[in-house]
């Protein structure tokens, strides 16, 4: 497949992969409109809060796989730097899914999956950091923001190229931008924590 055909195909596929609304699908399987409960976000964090830990983990893993698959497809069909663009497009697809009138999640899990495919060692470190912060603080937003801030310097230490550093900075900035409302709630002391213990939930949660 020529690059002239492969590049548009890969970018379109990356967007469509990123835009798969796993959180919304999980809600529909439980008879719940995820956009009408909790924070209203179509992301794994809202699933954790409204549908429970087990479903939240399943949605998060599915979202991570979207980022992994988008990058692997791009690496198989295109040359650098297109896998980096595919990663960014997948994040944007999650944040602005065409299926849900462009109202999606914050792209953290998709971005993490992309990082795992592009920078495996950085991905392992960021997963460990994210899990540690979620368990200790129970603020998913804090874990996500700190992880985003840690990514560019980590990529630099690991010897990322110029194009990879640009990707790291842009992806980090996008995740932080998508968390701007969370940052405001954290400053005001209004941010909600997640419940890690197993509990029964209801649509009104």
N, C-alpha and C. Protein backbone atom coordinates (compact mmCIF):
# COMPACT_ATOMS: atom_id res chain seq x y z
N UNK A 1 0.85 -1.19 0.00
CA UNK A 1 0.00 0.00 0.00
C UNK A 1 0.89 1.25 0.00
N UNK A 2 0.67 2.15 -0.96
CA UNK A 2 1.48 3.35 -1.05
C UNK A 2 1.15 4.28 0.12
N UNK A 3 2.14 5.10 0.49
CA UNK A 3 1.95 6.03 1.59
C UNK A 3 0.82 7.02 1.29
N UNK A 4 0.62 7.34 0.01
CA UNK A 4 -0.43 8.27 -0.38
C UNK A 4 -1.81 7.74 0.02
N UNK A 5 -1.97 6.43 -0.04
CA UNK A 5 -3.23 5.81 0.36
C UNK A 5 -3.20 5.43 1.83
N UNK A 6 -2.04 4.94 2.29
CA UNK A 6 -1.93 4.42 3.65
C UNK A 6 -2.13 5.49 4.71
N UNK A 7 -1.56 6.67 4.49
CA UNK A 7 -1.63 7.71 5.53
C UNK A 7 -3.07 8.13 5.82
N UNK A 8 -3.89 8.52 4.80
CA UNK A 8 -5.27 8.87 5.10
C UNK A 8 -6.05 7.71 5.72
N UNK A 9 -5.80 6.49 5.24
CA UNK A 9 -6.48 5.33 5.79
C UNK A 9 -6.14 5.14 7.26
N UNK A 10 -4.87 5.24 7.59
CA UNK A 10 -4.42 5.05 8.97
C UNK A 10 -4.99 6.12 9.90
N UNK A 11 -4.97 7.37 9.44
CA UNK A 11 -5.49 8.44 10.29
C UNK A 11 -7.00 8.31 10.49
N UNK A 12 -7.72 7.94 9.43
CA UNK A 12 -9.17 7.73 9.57
C UNK A 12 -9.45 6.57 10.51
N UNK A 13 -8.69 5.48 10.35
CA UNK A 13 -8.87 4.32 11.23
C UNK A 13 -8.54 4.67 12.68
N UNK A 14 -7.49 5.47 12.88
CA UNK A 14 -7.11 5.88 14.24
C UNK A 14 -8.22 6.68 14.90
N UNK A 15 -8.82 7.59 14.11
CA UNK A 15 -9.93 8.37 14.66
C UNK A 15 -11.11 7.47 15.01
N UNK A 16 -11.46 6.58 14.11
CA UNK A 16 -12.62 5.71 14.34
C UNK A 16 -12.37 4.76 15.52
N UNK A 17 -11.14 4.26 15.64
CA UNK A 17 -10.81 3.43 16.79
C UNK A 17 -10.94 4.23 18.08
N UNK A 18 -10.35 5.42 18.08
CA UNK A 18 -10.40 6.27 19.27
C UNK A 18 -11.81 6.65 19.65
N UNK A 19 -12.68 6.76 18.65
CA UNK A 19 -14.03 7.25 18.92
C UNK A 19 -15.00 6.16 19.38
N UNK A 20 -14.56 4.90 19.41
CA UNK A 20 -15.44 3.84 19.92
C UNK A 20 -15.80 4.16 21.36
N UNK A 21 -17.08 4.39 21.68
CA UNK A 21 -17.47 4.85 23.03
C UNK A 21 -17.68 3.70 24.01
N UNK A 22 -16.56 3.12 24.47
CA UNK A 22 -16.66 1.95 25.33
C UNK A 22 -17.46 2.23 26.61
N UNK A 23 -17.28 3.40 27.18
CA UNK A 23 -18.03 3.73 28.40
C UNK A 23 -19.53 3.80 28.12
N UNK A 24 -19.89 4.39 27.01
CA UNK A 24 -21.31 4.48 26.64
C UNK A 24 -21.88 3.09 26.38
N UNK A 25 -21.11 2.25 25.68
CA UNK A 25 -21.56 0.89 25.41
C UNK A 25 -21.76 0.12 26.71
N UNK A 26 -20.82 0.26 27.65
CA UNK A 26 -20.95 -0.42 28.94
C UNK A 26 -22.21 0.03 29.67
N UNK A 27 -22.50 1.31 29.60
CA UNK A 27 -23.71 1.82 30.23
C UNK A 27 -24.96 1.26 29.59
N UNK A 28 -24.96 1.21 28.25
CA UNK A 28 -26.12 0.69 27.55
C UNK A 28 -26.37 -0.78 27.89
N UNK A 29 -25.31 -1.54 28.08
CA UNK A 29 -25.46 -2.95 28.45
C UNK A 29 -26.08 -3.11 29.83
N UNK A 30 -25.96 -2.07 30.64
CA UNK A 30 -26.56 -2.08 31.98
C UNK A 30 -27.86 -1.30 32.03
N UNK A 31 -28.32 -0.82 30.88
CA UNK A 31 -29.54 -0.04 30.83
C UNK A 31 -29.39 1.36 31.37
N UNK A 32 -28.16 1.92 31.30
CA UNK A 32 -27.87 3.24 31.85
C UNK A 32 -27.30 4.14 30.76
N UNK A 33 -27.78 5.36 30.68
CA UNK A 33 -27.20 6.36 29.79
C UNK A 33 -26.08 7.04 30.57
N UNK A 34 -24.84 6.68 30.25
CA UNK A 34 -23.69 7.14 31.03
C UNK A 34 -23.55 8.66 31.02
N UNK A 35 -24.10 9.31 29.98
CA UNK A 35 -23.99 10.76 29.89
C UNK A 35 -24.95 11.48 30.83
N UNK A 36 -25.87 10.72 31.43
CA UNK A 36 -26.86 11.33 32.32
C UNK A 36 -26.59 11.02 33.79
N UNK A 37 -25.49 10.33 34.09
CA UNK A 37 -25.19 9.98 35.48
C UNK A 37 -23.77 10.41 35.82
N UNK A 38 -23.51 10.51 37.12
CA UNK A 38 -22.17 10.90 37.56
C UNK A 38 -21.77 12.25 37.00
N UNK A 39 -20.56 12.29 36.45
CA UNK A 39 -20.04 13.53 35.86
C UNK A 39 -20.59 13.77 34.47
N UNK A 40 -21.21 12.76 33.88
CA UNK A 40 -21.71 12.88 32.51
C UNK A 40 -20.65 12.62 31.46
N UNK A 41 -19.43 12.34 31.89
CA UNK A 41 -18.33 12.11 30.96
C UNK A 41 -18.41 10.69 30.39
N UNK A 42 -18.01 10.56 29.12
CA UNK A 42 -17.98 9.25 28.49
C UNK A 42 -16.56 8.70 28.59
N UNK A 43 -16.17 8.44 29.83
CA UNK A 43 -14.83 7.94 30.09
C UNK A 43 -14.84 6.90 31.20
N UNK A 44 -13.71 6.23 31.36
CA UNK A 44 -13.63 5.13 32.33
C UNK A 44 -13.84 5.62 33.76
N UNK A 45 -13.41 6.84 34.08
CA UNK A 45 -13.56 7.33 35.45
C UNK A 45 -15.02 7.43 35.84
N UNK A 46 -15.85 7.92 34.95
CA UNK A 46 -17.27 8.00 35.25
C UNK A 46 -17.88 6.61 35.38
N UNK A 47 -17.36 5.66 34.62
CA UNK A 47 -17.83 4.28 34.74
C UNK A 47 -17.46 3.72 36.10
N UNK A 48 -16.24 3.99 36.56
CA UNK A 48 -15.83 3.57 37.90
C UNK A 48 -16.84 4.07 38.94
N UNK A 49 -17.20 5.35 38.82
CA UNK A 49 -18.07 5.95 39.83
C UNK A 49 -19.50 5.43 39.76
N UNK A 50 -19.99 5.16 38.57
CA UNK A 50 -21.40 4.87 38.40
C UNK A 50 -21.73 3.39 38.20
N UNK A 51 -20.80 2.64 37.60
CA UNK A 51 -21.07 1.24 37.32
C UNK A 51 -20.21 0.28 38.12
N UNK A 52 -19.24 0.80 38.85
CA UNK A 52 -18.42 -0.04 39.70
C UNK A 52 -17.03 -0.31 39.16
N UNK A 53 -16.18 -0.85 40.04
CA UNK A 53 -14.77 -1.04 39.72
C UNK A 53 -14.56 -2.05 38.59
N UNK A 54 -15.26 -3.18 38.63
CA UNK A 54 -15.07 -4.22 37.62
C UNK A 54 -15.36 -3.70 36.22
N UNK A 55 -16.49 -3.01 36.07
CA UNK A 55 -16.84 -2.47 34.76
C UNK A 55 -15.89 -1.34 34.37
N UNK A 56 -15.49 -0.53 35.35
CA UNK A 56 -14.55 0.54 35.09
C UNK A 56 -13.22 0.03 34.57
N UNK A 57 -12.71 -1.04 35.16
CA UNK A 57 -11.45 -1.63 34.71
C UNK A 57 -11.60 -2.17 33.28
N UNK A 58 -12.73 -2.82 33.01
CA UNK A 58 -12.96 -3.38 31.67
C UNK A 58 -12.98 -2.27 30.62
N UNK A 59 -13.65 -1.17 30.93
CA UNK A 59 -13.72 -0.05 29.99
C UNK A 59 -12.34 0.58 29.81
N UNK A 60 -11.60 0.71 30.90
CA UNK A 60 -10.27 1.30 30.80
C UNK A 60 -9.35 0.45 29.93
N UNK A 61 -9.39 -0.85 30.11
CA UNK A 61 -8.56 -1.74 29.29
C UNK A 61 -8.95 -1.62 27.82
N UNK A 62 -10.25 -1.58 27.55
CA UNK A 62 -10.72 -1.43 26.18
C UNK A 62 -10.26 -0.11 25.58
N UNK A 63 -10.26 0.95 26.38
CA UNK A 63 -9.79 2.25 25.89
C UNK A 63 -8.29 2.24 25.64
N UNK A 64 -7.53 1.59 26.50
CA UNK A 64 -6.09 1.47 26.30
C UNK A 64 -5.81 0.74 24.98
N UNK A 65 -6.56 -0.31 24.72
CA UNK A 65 -6.36 -1.07 23.49
C UNK A 65 -6.62 -0.23 22.24
N UNK A 66 -7.51 0.75 22.33
CA UNK A 66 -7.76 1.62 21.18
C UNK A 66 -6.48 2.35 20.80
N UNK A 67 -5.76 2.86 21.78
CA UNK A 67 -4.52 3.56 21.50
C UNK A 67 -3.44 2.63 20.97
N UNK A 68 -3.35 1.44 21.56
CA UNK A 68 -2.37 0.45 21.11
C UNK A 68 -2.61 0.08 19.66
N UNK A 69 -3.86 -0.25 19.32
CA UNK A 69 -4.19 -0.69 17.97
C UNK A 69 -3.98 0.41 16.93
N UNK A 70 -4.31 1.64 17.30
CA UNK A 70 -4.12 2.76 16.37
C UNK A 70 -2.65 2.91 15.99
N UNK A 71 -1.78 2.81 16.98
CA UNK A 71 -0.34 2.95 16.72
C UNK A 71 0.20 1.74 15.96
N UNK A 72 -0.18 0.53 16.36
CA UNK A 72 0.31 -0.68 15.69
C UNK A 72 -0.09 -0.69 14.22
N UNK A 73 -1.31 -0.26 13.93
CA UNK A 73 -1.77 -0.18 12.54
C UNK A 73 -0.92 0.81 11.76
N UNK A 74 -0.67 1.95 12.37
CA UNK A 74 0.15 2.97 11.70
C UNK A 74 1.57 2.50 11.49
N UNK A 75 2.13 1.81 12.47
CA UNK A 75 3.50 1.30 12.33
C UNK A 75 3.59 0.24 11.24
N UNK A 76 2.51 -0.52 11.06
CA UNK A 76 2.52 -1.58 10.04
C UNK A 76 2.40 -1.03 8.62
N UNK A 77 1.71 0.10 8.48
CA UNK A 77 1.39 0.60 7.14
C UNK A 77 2.10 1.89 6.75
N UNK A 78 2.66 2.61 7.70
CA UNK A 78 3.29 3.90 7.39
C UNK A 78 4.65 4.02 8.06
N UNK A 79 5.37 5.03 7.65
CA UNK A 79 6.67 5.33 8.24
C UNK A 79 6.51 6.46 9.26
N UNK A 80 7.57 6.69 10.04
CA UNK A 80 7.58 7.83 10.96
C UNK A 80 7.48 9.12 10.16
N UNK A 81 6.79 10.14 10.67
CA UNK A 81 6.22 10.24 12.03
C UNK A 81 4.73 9.89 12.11
N UNK A 82 4.19 9.18 11.11
CA UNK A 82 2.75 8.97 11.06
C UNK A 82 2.19 8.17 12.23
N UNK A 83 2.91 7.22 12.81
CA UNK A 83 2.38 6.58 14.02
C UNK A 83 2.15 7.56 15.16
N UNK A 84 2.97 8.61 15.22
CA UNK A 84 2.77 9.65 16.25
C UNK A 84 1.49 10.43 15.97
N UNK A 85 1.27 10.75 14.71
CA UNK A 85 0.02 11.44 14.34
C UNK A 85 -1.19 10.55 14.62
N UNK A 86 -1.05 9.25 14.31
CA UNK A 86 -2.16 8.32 14.57
C UNK A 86 -2.49 8.29 16.05
N UNK A 87 -1.47 8.34 16.90
CA UNK A 87 -1.70 8.35 18.35
C UNK A 87 -2.49 9.59 18.76
N UNK A 88 -2.10 10.75 18.24
CA UNK A 88 -2.81 11.98 18.57
C UNK A 88 -4.25 11.96 18.05
N UNK A 89 -4.43 11.45 16.84
CA UNK A 89 -5.77 11.39 16.25
C UNK A 89 -6.66 10.44 17.06
N UNK A 90 -6.11 9.34 17.55
CA UNK A 90 -6.89 8.41 18.38
C UNK A 90 -7.34 9.09 19.67
N UNK A 91 -6.46 9.89 20.27
CA UNK A 91 -6.82 10.63 21.49
C UNK A 91 -7.95 11.61 21.18
N UNK A 92 -7.83 12.32 20.06
CA UNK A 92 -8.87 13.26 19.67
C UNK A 92 -10.18 12.54 19.35
N UNK A 93 -10.07 11.34 18.76
CA UNK A 93 -11.27 10.57 18.48
C UNK A 93 -12.01 10.21 19.75
N UNK A 94 -11.27 9.88 20.79
CA UNK A 94 -11.90 9.56 22.08
C UNK A 94 -12.55 10.80 22.69
N UNK A 95 -11.87 11.93 22.57
CA UNK A 95 -12.39 13.17 23.16
C UNK A 95 -13.57 13.72 22.37
N UNK A 96 -13.55 13.50 21.05
CA UNK A 96 -14.60 14.05 20.18
C UNK A 96 -15.17 12.95 19.27
N UNK A 97 -15.89 11.98 19.83
CA UNK A 97 -16.41 10.87 19.02
C UNK A 97 -17.59 11.29 18.15
N UNK A 98 -17.52 10.94 16.89
CA UNK A 98 -18.59 11.30 15.97
C UNK A 98 -19.90 10.63 16.37
N UNK A 99 -19.83 9.47 17.01
CA UNK A 99 -21.04 8.71 17.37
C UNK A 99 -21.85 9.38 18.47
N UNK A 100 -21.20 10.22 19.29
CA UNK A 100 -21.87 10.83 20.44
C UNK A 100 -21.82 12.35 20.35
N UNK A 101 -22.08 12.86 19.16
CA UNK A 101 -22.08 14.31 18.90
C UNK A 101 -20.83 14.99 19.43
N UNK A 102 -19.69 14.31 19.27
CA UNK A 102 -18.37 14.86 19.60
C UNK A 102 -18.21 15.20 21.08
N UNK A 103 -18.92 14.48 21.93
CA UNK A 103 -18.79 14.67 23.38
C UNK A 103 -18.26 13.37 23.98
N UNK A 104 -16.97 13.34 24.29
CA UNK A 104 -16.34 12.11 24.75
C UNK A 104 -15.61 12.26 26.06
N UNK A 105 -14.60 11.41 26.23
CA UNK A 105 -13.80 11.42 27.46
C UNK A 105 -12.56 12.28 27.32
N UNK A 106 -11.62 12.08 28.22
CA UNK A 106 -10.45 12.94 28.29
C UNK A 106 -9.21 12.34 27.62
N UNK A 107 -9.31 11.13 27.13
CA UNK A 107 -8.23 10.57 26.32
C UNK A 107 -7.05 9.99 27.07
N UNK A 108 -7.15 9.87 28.39
CA UNK A 108 -6.00 9.38 29.16
C UNK A 108 -5.68 7.93 28.84
N UNK A 109 -6.68 7.05 28.90
CA UNK A 109 -6.43 5.63 28.65
C UNK A 109 -5.98 5.39 27.22
N UNK A 110 -6.59 6.07 26.27
CA UNK A 110 -6.19 5.93 24.86
C UNK A 110 -4.75 6.42 24.69
N UNK A 111 -4.43 7.55 25.30
CA UNK A 111 -3.07 8.07 25.23
C UNK A 111 -2.07 7.12 25.87
N UNK A 112 -2.46 6.51 26.99
CA UNK A 112 -1.57 5.56 27.65
C UNK A 112 -1.32 4.36 26.75
N UNK A 113 -2.36 3.89 26.08
CA UNK A 113 -2.17 2.78 25.15
C UNK A 113 -1.23 3.14 24.01
N UNK A 114 -1.38 4.36 23.49
CA UNK A 114 -0.49 4.82 22.42
C UNK A 114 0.95 4.89 22.90
N UNK A 115 1.14 5.40 24.12
CA UNK A 115 2.49 5.49 24.68
C UNK A 115 3.09 4.10 24.87
N UNK A 116 2.27 3.15 25.31
CA UNK A 116 2.75 1.77 25.49
C UNK A 116 3.26 1.19 24.18
N UNK A 117 2.59 1.52 23.08
CA UNK A 117 3.01 1.01 21.77
C UNK A 117 4.22 1.76 21.22
N UNK A 118 4.29 3.05 21.51
CA UNK A 118 5.39 3.87 20.98
C UNK A 118 6.63 3.83 21.85
N UNK A 119 6.43 3.87 23.16
CA UNK A 119 7.54 3.92 24.13
C UNK A 119 7.25 2.91 25.25
N UNK A 120 7.48 1.62 25.03
CA UNK A 120 7.10 0.61 26.01
C UNK A 120 7.63 0.86 27.42
N UNK A 121 8.90 1.27 27.54
CA UNK A 121 9.46 1.49 28.87
C UNK A 121 8.78 2.66 29.56
N UNK A 122 8.53 3.74 28.82
CA UNK A 122 7.81 4.88 29.38
C UNK A 122 6.40 4.47 29.78
N UNK A 123 5.78 3.62 28.96
CA UNK A 123 4.43 3.15 29.27
C UNK A 123 4.38 2.41 30.58
N UNK A 124 5.35 1.53 30.82
CA UNK A 124 5.40 0.78 32.09
C UNK A 124 5.53 1.73 33.26
N UNK A 125 6.42 2.72 33.14
CA UNK A 125 6.61 3.68 34.22
C UNK A 125 5.34 4.47 34.49
N UNK A 126 4.69 4.93 33.43
CA UNK A 126 3.49 5.75 33.60
C UNK A 126 2.33 4.95 34.18
N UNK A 127 2.22 3.68 33.80
CA UNK A 127 1.19 2.83 34.40
C UNK A 127 1.42 2.70 35.89
N UNK A 128 2.68 2.42 36.27
CA UNK A 128 3.00 2.27 37.70
C UNK A 128 2.72 3.56 38.46
N UNK A 129 3.07 4.70 37.86
CA UNK A 129 2.83 5.99 38.50
C UNK A 129 1.34 6.25 38.64
N UNK A 130 0.59 5.99 37.58
CA UNK A 130 -0.85 6.25 37.59
C UNK A 130 -1.56 5.39 38.63
N UNK A 131 -1.25 4.09 38.64
CA UNK A 131 -1.89 3.19 39.60
C UNK A 131 -1.54 3.59 41.04
N UNK A 132 -0.28 3.93 41.26
CA UNK A 132 0.14 4.33 42.61
C UNK A 132 -0.63 5.55 43.10
N UNK A 133 -0.76 6.55 42.23
CA UNK A 133 -1.46 7.78 42.61
C UNK A 133 -2.96 7.55 42.79
N UNK A 134 -3.56 6.72 41.94
CA UNK A 134 -4.99 6.43 42.10
C UNK A 134 -5.24 5.72 43.42
N UNK A 135 -4.42 4.74 43.74
CA UNK A 135 -4.60 3.97 44.98
C UNK A 135 -4.37 4.84 46.21
N UNK A 136 -3.37 5.70 46.16
CA UNK A 136 -3.03 6.49 47.34
C UNK A 136 -3.91 7.73 47.51
N UNK A 137 -4.34 8.33 46.42
CA UNK A 137 -5.14 9.56 46.54
C UNK A 137 -6.62 9.34 46.23
N UNK A 138 -6.92 8.31 45.40
CA UNK A 138 -8.26 8.03 44.88
C UNK A 138 -8.79 9.17 44.00
N UNK A 139 -7.88 10.01 43.54
CA UNK A 139 -8.21 11.03 42.55
C UNK A 139 -7.67 10.58 41.20
N UNK A 140 -8.53 10.15 40.30
CA UNK A 140 -8.07 9.76 38.97
C UNK A 140 -7.51 10.96 38.23
N UNK A 141 -8.11 12.12 38.43
CA UNK A 141 -7.65 13.32 37.74
C UNK A 141 -6.22 13.68 38.14
N UNK A 142 -5.90 13.54 39.42
CA UNK A 142 -4.54 13.84 39.88
C UNK A 142 -3.55 12.88 39.22
N UNK A 143 -3.88 11.59 39.21
CA UNK A 143 -3.00 10.60 38.59
C UNK A 143 -2.81 10.90 37.11
N UNK A 144 -3.87 11.29 36.43
CA UNK A 144 -3.79 11.56 35.00
C UNK A 144 -2.98 12.81 34.70
N UNK A 145 -3.20 13.86 35.48
CA UNK A 145 -2.47 15.12 35.27
C UNK A 145 -0.99 14.95 35.56
N UNK A 146 -0.67 14.29 36.67
CA UNK A 146 0.74 14.07 37.02
C UNK A 146 1.41 13.19 35.97
N UNK A 147 0.69 12.16 35.50
CA UNK A 147 1.24 11.30 34.45
C UNK A 147 1.53 12.08 33.18
N UNK A 148 0.60 12.97 32.81
CA UNK A 148 0.80 13.79 31.62
C UNK A 148 2.01 14.70 31.78
N UNK A 149 2.16 15.29 32.95
CA UNK A 149 3.31 16.16 33.20
C UNK A 149 4.62 15.40 33.20
N UNK A 150 4.57 14.14 33.63
CA UNK A 150 5.79 13.34 33.71
C UNK A 150 6.23 12.80 32.35
N UNK A 151 5.32 12.71 31.41
CA UNK A 151 5.63 12.07 30.14
C UNK A 151 6.72 12.77 29.34
N UNK A 152 6.65 14.09 29.09
CA UNK A 152 7.72 14.72 28.28
C UNK A 152 9.12 14.57 28.87
N UNK A 153 9.34 14.87 30.17
CA UNK A 153 10.70 14.67 30.69
C UNK A 153 11.13 13.21 30.66
N UNK A 154 10.19 12.30 30.87
CA UNK A 154 10.52 10.88 30.80
C UNK A 154 10.95 10.50 29.39
N UNK A 155 10.21 10.99 28.38
CA UNK A 155 10.57 10.72 26.99
C UNK A 155 11.96 11.28 26.67
N UNK A 156 12.27 12.46 27.20
CA UNK A 156 13.58 13.07 26.98
C UNK A 156 14.69 12.21 27.57
N UNK A 157 14.48 11.74 28.79
CA UNK A 157 15.48 10.91 29.46
C UNK A 157 15.71 9.61 28.69
N UNK A 158 14.66 9.10 28.08
CA UNK A 158 14.75 7.83 27.35
C UNK A 158 15.27 8.00 25.93
N UNK A 159 15.64 9.23 25.58
CA UNK A 159 16.28 9.47 24.28
C UNK A 159 15.34 9.63 23.12
N UNK A 160 14.18 10.21 23.36
CA UNK A 160 13.21 10.42 22.29
C UNK A 160 13.75 11.37 21.23
N UNK A 161 13.35 11.14 20.00
CA UNK A 161 13.74 12.03 18.90
C UNK A 161 12.96 13.33 18.99
N UNK A 162 13.30 14.28 18.11
CA UNK A 162 12.61 15.57 18.12
C UNK A 162 11.12 15.39 17.86
N UNK A 163 10.77 14.59 16.85
CA UNK A 163 9.35 14.38 16.55
C UNK A 163 8.63 13.70 17.71
N UNK A 164 9.31 12.78 18.38
CA UNK A 164 8.71 12.10 19.53
C UNK A 164 8.54 13.05 20.71
N UNK A 165 9.48 13.98 20.87
CA UNK A 165 9.35 14.97 21.94
C UNK A 165 8.19 15.91 21.66
N UNK A 166 8.04 16.30 20.41
CA UNK A 166 6.90 17.16 20.05
C UNK A 166 5.60 16.43 20.36
N UNK A 167 5.52 15.15 19.99
CA UNK A 167 4.34 14.36 20.31
C UNK A 167 4.09 14.33 21.81
N UNK A 168 5.14 14.08 22.59
CA UNK A 168 5.00 13.99 24.04
C UNK A 168 4.45 15.28 24.63
N UNK A 169 4.96 16.41 24.16
CA UNK A 169 4.51 17.70 24.68
C UNK A 169 3.06 17.98 24.26
N UNK A 170 2.74 17.72 22.99
CA UNK A 170 1.38 17.99 22.51
C UNK A 170 0.37 17.07 23.20
N UNK A 171 0.69 15.79 23.31
CA UNK A 171 -0.23 14.84 23.96
C UNK A 171 -0.42 15.21 25.42
N UNK A 172 0.67 15.57 26.09
CA UNK A 172 0.59 15.97 27.50
C UNK A 172 -0.27 17.21 27.66
N UNK A 173 -0.06 18.19 26.79
CA UNK A 173 -0.83 19.44 26.87
C UNK A 173 -2.31 19.17 26.62
N UNK A 174 -2.62 18.26 25.67
CA UNK A 174 -4.02 17.94 25.37
C UNK A 174 -4.71 17.33 26.57
N UNK A 175 -4.04 16.37 27.22
CA UNK A 175 -4.64 15.71 28.39
C UNK A 175 -4.87 16.72 29.51
N UNK A 176 -3.91 17.58 29.75
CA UNK A 176 -4.08 18.59 30.80
C UNK A 176 -5.20 19.55 30.45
N UNK A 177 -5.29 19.95 29.18
CA UNK A 177 -6.37 20.83 28.74
C UNK A 177 -7.73 20.18 28.96
N UNK A 178 -7.85 18.91 28.63
CA UNK A 178 -9.12 18.21 28.82
C UNK A 178 -9.48 18.09 30.30
N UNK A 179 -8.49 18.26 31.18
CA UNK A 179 -8.74 18.17 32.63
C UNK A 179 -8.89 19.55 33.28
N UNK A 180 -9.09 20.58 32.48
CA UNK A 180 -9.13 21.92 33.07
C UNK A 180 -10.25 22.08 34.09
N UNK A 181 -11.41 21.45 33.84
CA UNK A 181 -12.50 21.54 34.82
C UNK A 181 -12.13 20.80 36.10
N UNK A 182 -11.44 19.66 35.96
CA UNK A 182 -11.00 18.90 37.13
C UNK A 182 -10.01 19.71 37.96
N UNK A 183 -9.12 20.42 37.27
CA UNK A 183 -8.13 21.24 37.98
C UNK A 183 -8.84 22.30 38.81
N UNK A 184 -9.87 22.91 38.23
CA UNK A 184 -10.65 23.90 38.98
C UNK A 184 -11.31 23.29 40.20
N UNK A 185 -11.88 22.08 40.06
CA UNK A 185 -12.52 21.43 41.20
C UNK A 185 -11.50 21.02 42.25
N UNK A 186 -10.32 20.60 41.82
CA UNK A 186 -9.27 20.26 42.78
C UNK A 186 -8.86 21.48 43.59
N UNK A 187 -8.72 22.61 42.95
CA UNK A 187 -8.34 23.85 43.64
C UNK A 187 -9.40 24.26 44.65
N UNK A 188 -10.68 24.05 44.29
CA UNK A 188 -11.78 24.42 45.18
C UNK A 188 -12.11 23.33 46.21
N UNK A 189 -11.41 22.19 46.12
CA UNK A 189 -11.69 21.09 47.03
C UNK A 189 -12.99 20.38 46.72
N UNK A 190 -13.45 20.41 45.48
CA UNK A 190 -14.73 19.83 45.10
C UNK A 190 -14.59 18.57 44.23
N UNK A 191 -13.38 18.17 43.93
CA UNK A 191 -13.19 17.01 43.07
C UNK A 191 -13.61 15.73 43.79
N UNK A 192 -14.30 14.85 43.08
CA UNK A 192 -14.77 13.60 43.66
C UNK A 192 -13.69 12.53 43.60
N UNK A 193 -13.61 11.73 44.64
CA UNK A 193 -12.72 10.57 44.63
C UNK A 193 -13.48 9.37 44.09
N UNK A 194 -12.74 8.35 43.68
CA UNK A 194 -13.39 7.12 43.24
C UNK A 194 -13.38 6.12 44.37
N UNK A 195 -14.36 5.23 44.35
CA UNK A 195 -14.46 4.17 45.34
C UNK A 195 -13.83 2.91 44.75
N UNK A 196 -12.73 2.44 45.38
CA UNK A 196 -12.02 1.30 44.86
C UNK A 196 -12.57 -0.02 45.36
N UNK A 197 -13.26 0.02 46.47
CA UNK A 197 -13.84 -1.22 46.99
C UNK A 197 -15.08 -1.57 46.21
N UNK A 198 -15.36 -2.87 46.16
CA UNK A 198 -16.53 -3.33 45.42
C UNK A 198 -17.80 -2.89 46.13
N UNK A 199 -18.73 -2.35 45.36
CA UNK A 199 -19.99 -1.93 45.96
C UNK A 199 -21.06 -2.02 44.90
N UNK A 200 -22.31 -2.07 45.34
CA UNK A 200 -23.43 -2.08 44.43
C UNK A 200 -23.74 -0.66 44.01
N UNK A 201 -24.10 -0.51 42.75
CA UNK A 201 -24.41 0.83 42.24
C UNK A 201 -25.81 0.84 41.65
N UNK A 202 -26.32 2.01 41.46
CA UNK A 202 -27.63 2.17 40.84
C UNK A 202 -27.55 3.29 39.83
N UNK A 203 -28.48 3.38 38.90
CA UNK A 203 -28.45 4.45 37.90
C UNK A 203 -28.43 5.83 38.51
N UNK A 204 -28.88 5.97 39.73
CA UNK A 204 -28.93 7.28 40.35
C UNK A 204 -27.64 7.65 41.03
N UNK A 205 -26.63 6.76 41.00
CA UNK A 205 -25.38 6.98 41.71
C UNK A 205 -24.64 8.19 41.17
